[in-house]
C-alpha atoms as a PDB file:
ATOM      1  CA  MET A   1       1.444   8.378  48.817  1.00  0.00           C
ATOM      2  CA  LEU A   2      -0.224  11.519  47.439  1.00  0.00           C
ATOM      3  CA  LEU A   3      -2.836   9.546  45.509  1.00  0.00           C
ATOM      4  CA  VAL A   4      -3.726   7.256  48.417  1.00  0.00           C
ATOM      5  CA  ASP A   5      -3.841   9.973  51.074  1.00  0.00           C
ATOM      6  CA  THR A   6      -5.929  12.488  49.125  1.00  0.00           C
ATOM      7  CA  GLY A   7      -7.933  10.433  46.641  1.00  0.00           C
ATOM      8  CA  ILE A   8      -6.519  12.597  43.868  1.00  0.00           C
ATOM      9  CA  ARG A   9      -6.545  11.011  40.398  1.00  0.00           C
ATOM     10  CA  SER A  10      -3.351  10.309  38.453  1.00  0.00           C
ATOM     11  CA  GLY A  11      -4.381  12.754  35.729  1.00  0.00           C
ATOM     12  CA  GLU A  12      -4.872  15.440  38.357  1.00  0.00           C
ATOM     13  CA  VAL A  13      -1.382  14.804  39.736  1.00  0.00           C
ATOM     14  CA  ALA A  14       0.066  15.078  36.222  1.00  0.00           C
ATOM     15  CA  ALA A  15      -1.571  18.497  35.835  1.00  0.00           C
ATOM     16  CA  LEU A  16      -0.363  19.883  39.200  1.00  0.00           C
ATOM     17  CA  SER A  17       2.166  22.667  39.513  1.00  0.00           C
ATOM     18  CA  VAL A  18       4.023  23.696  42.650  1.00  0.00           C
ATOM     19  CA  THR A  19       1.666  26.648  43.130  1.00  0.00           C
ATOM     20  CA  ASP A  20      -1.327  24.280  43.410  1.00  0.00           C
ATOM     21  CA  ILE A  21      -0.159  22.926  46.787  1.00  0.00           C
ATOM     22  CA  ASP A  22      -0.408  25.022  49.936  1.00  0.00           C
ATOM     23  CA  MET A  23       2.254  23.442  52.128  1.00  0.00           C
ATOM     24  CA  LYS A  24       0.966  25.230  55.253  1.00  0.00           C
ATOM     25  CA  THR A  25      -2.642  24.031  55.104  1.00  0.00           C
ATOM     26  CA  GLY A  26      -2.228  20.897  52.987  1.00  0.00           C
ATOM     27  CA  ALA A  27      -4.794  22.144  50.484  1.00  0.00           C
ATOM     28  CA  ILE A  28      -4.260  20.969  46.917  1.00  0.00           C
ATOM     29  CA  ASP A  29      -6.137  22.710  44.097  1.00  0.00           C
ATOM     30  CA  THR A  30      -6.804  20.242  41.292  1.00  0.00           C
ATOM     31  CA  ARG A  31      -7.641  22.595  38.475  1.00  0.00           C
ATOM     32  CA  GLN A  32      -8.129  19.886  35.845  1.00  0.00           C
ATOM     33  CA  GLY A  33     -10.211  17.177  37.467  1.00  0.00           C
ATOM     34  CA  LYS A  34     -12.739  14.734  36.100  1.00  0.00           C
ATOM     35  CA  GLY A  35     -15.136  16.405  33.696  1.00  0.00           C
ATOM     36  CA  GLY A  36     -12.892  19.471  33.542  1.00  0.00           C
ATOM     37  CA  LYS A  37     -13.913  20.485  37.053  1.00  0.00           C
ATOM     38  CA  GLY A  38     -11.389  21.363  39.712  1.00  0.00           C
ATOM     39  CA  ARG A  39     -11.632  20.549  43.384  1.00  0.00           C
ATOM     40  CA  ILE A  40      -9.752  21.085  46.632  1.00  0.00           C
ATOM     41  CA  VAL A  41      -8.345  18.049  48.452  1.00  0.00           C
ATOM     42  CA  PHE A  42      -6.253  17.967  51.608  1.00  0.00           C
ATOM     43  CA  ALA A  43      -3.018  16.085  52.303  1.00  0.00           C
ATOM     44  CA  SER A  44      -1.790  14.907  55.691  1.00  0.00           C
ATOM     45  CA  ASN A  45       1.468  16.136  57.222  1.00  0.00           C
ATOM     46  CA  PRO A  46       3.367  12.899  56.364  1.00  0.00           C
ATOM     47  CA  THR A  47       2.285  13.252  52.729  1.00  0.00           C
ATOM     48  CA  LEU A  48       3.344  16.896  52.642  1.00  0.00           C
ATOM     49  CA  GLU A  49       6.717  15.886  54.053  1.00  0.00           C
ATOM     50  CA  SER A  50       7.048  13.343  51.244  1.00  0.00           C
ATOM     51  CA  VAL A  51       6.245  16.061  48.705  1.00  0.00           C
ATOM     52  CA  ARG A  52       8.908  18.319  50.260  1.00  0.00           C
ATOM     53  CA  THR A  53      11.455  15.499  50.045  1.00  0.00           C
ATOM     54  CA  TYR A  54      10.532  14.805  46.425  1.00  0.00           C
ATOM     55  CA  TRP A  55      10.866  18.480  45.502  1.00  0.00           C
ATOM     56  CA  SER A  56      14.266  18.750  47.156  1.00  0.00           C
ATOM     57  CA  GLN A  57      15.512  15.662  45.310  1.00  0.00           C
ATOM     58  CA  ARG A  58      14.011  16.790  42.012  1.00  0.00           C
ATOM     59  CA  HIS A  59      15.567  20.252  42.318  1.00  0.00           C
ATOM     60  CA  ALA A  60      12.395  21.996  41.176  1.00  0.00           C
ATOM     61  CA  LEU A  61      13.246  25.238  39.442  1.00  0.00           C
ATOM     62  CA  PRO A  62      11.030  28.345  39.309  1.00  0.00           C
ATOM     63  CA  ASP A  63      10.816  28.040  35.516  1.00  0.00           C
ATOM     64  CA  GLU A  64       9.757  24.376  35.865  1.00  0.00           C
ATOM     65  CA  PRO A  65       6.520  24.568  37.883  1.00  0.00           C
ATOM     66  CA  ALA A  66       5.250  21.070  37.060  1.00  0.00           C
ATOM     67  CA  ILE A  67       5.194  18.544  39.887  1.00  0.00           C
ATOM     68  CA  THR A  68       5.895  15.605  37.597  1.00  0.00           C
ATOM     69  CA  THR A  69       7.984  15.465  34.447  1.00  0.00           C
ATOM     70  CA  SER A  70       7.870  13.363  31.314  1.00  0.00           C
ATOM     71  CA  ASN A  71      10.417  12.235  28.744  1.00  0.00           C
ATOM     72  CA  LYS A  72       7.964  12.651  25.857  1.00  0.00           C
END
Protein backbone atom coordinates (compact mmCIF):
# COMPACT_ATOMS: atom_id res chain seq x y z
CA MET A 1 0.00 0.00 0.00
CA LEU A 2 2.85 2.39 0.83
CA LEU A 3 4.51 1.94 -2.56
CA VAL A 4 1.30 2.40 -4.55
CA ASP A 5 0.00 5.38 -2.58
CA THR A 6 3.23 7.39 -2.52
CA GLY A 7 5.19 6.24 -5.57
CA ILE A 8 8.09 5.44 -3.27
CA ARG A 9 10.58 2.88 -4.63
CA SER A 10 11.19 -0.47 -2.93
CA GLY A 11 14.81 0.47 -2.21
CA GLU A 12 13.62 3.66 -0.54
CA VAL A 13 11.23 1.68 1.66
CA ALA A 14 14.07 -0.67 2.64
CA ALA A 15 16.14 2.33 3.76
CA LEU A 16 13.36 3.96 5.84
CA SER A 17 13.46 4.23 9.60
CA VAL A 18 10.58 5.13 11.88
CA THR A 19 11.89 8.69 12.23
CA ASP A 20 11.54 9.23 8.45
CA ILE A 21 7.72 9.18 8.63
CA ASP A 22 5.78 12.08 10.11
CA MET A 23 2.54 10.40 11.13
CA LYS A 24 0.78 13.76 11.65
CA THR A 25 1.41 15.23 8.20
CA GLY A 26 2.00 12.05 6.20
CA ALA A 27 5.37 13.32 5.00
CA ILE A 28 7.95 10.62 4.32
CA ASP A 29 11.61 11.62 3.94
CA THR A 30 13.34 9.22 1.56
CA ARG A 31 16.95 9.94 2.35
CA GLN A 32 18.39 7.36 -0.05
CA GLY A 33 16.48 7.73 -3.30
CA LYS A 34 17.44 7.18 -6.90
CA GLY A 35 20.83 8.66 -7.68
CA GLY A 36 21.53 9.08 -3.97
CA LYS A 37 19.07 11.96 -3.75
CA GLY A 38 16.38 12.11 -1.12
CA ARG A 39 12.88 13.43 -1.58
CA ILE A 40 9.70 14.05 0.39
CA VAL A 41 6.56 12.09 -0.53
CA PHE A 42 3.18 12.15 1.17
CA ALA A 43 1.00 9.23 2.29
CA SER A 44 -2.78 9.26 2.63
CA ASN A 45 -4.53 8.66 5.95
CA PRO A 46 -5.50 5.04 5.05
CA THR A 47 -1.85 4.29 4.23
CA LEU A 48 -0.68 5.86 7.49
CA GLU A 49 -3.21 3.73 9.35
CA SER A 50 -1.76 0.65 7.64
CA VAL A 51 1.73 1.70 8.73
CA ARG A 52 0.50 2.13 12.32
CA THR A 53 -1.05 -1.35 12.23
CA TYR A 54 2.15 -2.84 10.81
CA TRP A 55 4.26 -1.18 13.50
CA SER A 56 2.00 -2.41 16.28
CA GLN A 57 2.14 -5.97 14.93
CA ARG A 58 5.89 -5.82 14.37
CA HIS A 59 6.52 -4.50 17.89
CA ALA A 60 9.03 -1.92 16.69
CA LEU A 61 11.57 -1.22 19.40
CA PRO A 62 13.44 2.06 19.90
CA ASP A 63 16.75 0.28 19.25
CA GLU A 64 15.34 -1.17 16.01
CA PRO A 65 14.47 1.92 13.94
CA ALA A 66 14.22 0.16 10.56
CA ILE A 67 10.77 -0.09 9.01
CA THR A 68 11.51 -3.41 7.34
CA THR A 69 13.70 -6.26 8.52
CA SER A 70 15.71 -8.93 6.77
CA ASN A 71 16.89 -12.42 7.66
CA LYS A 72 20.26 -11.92 5.95
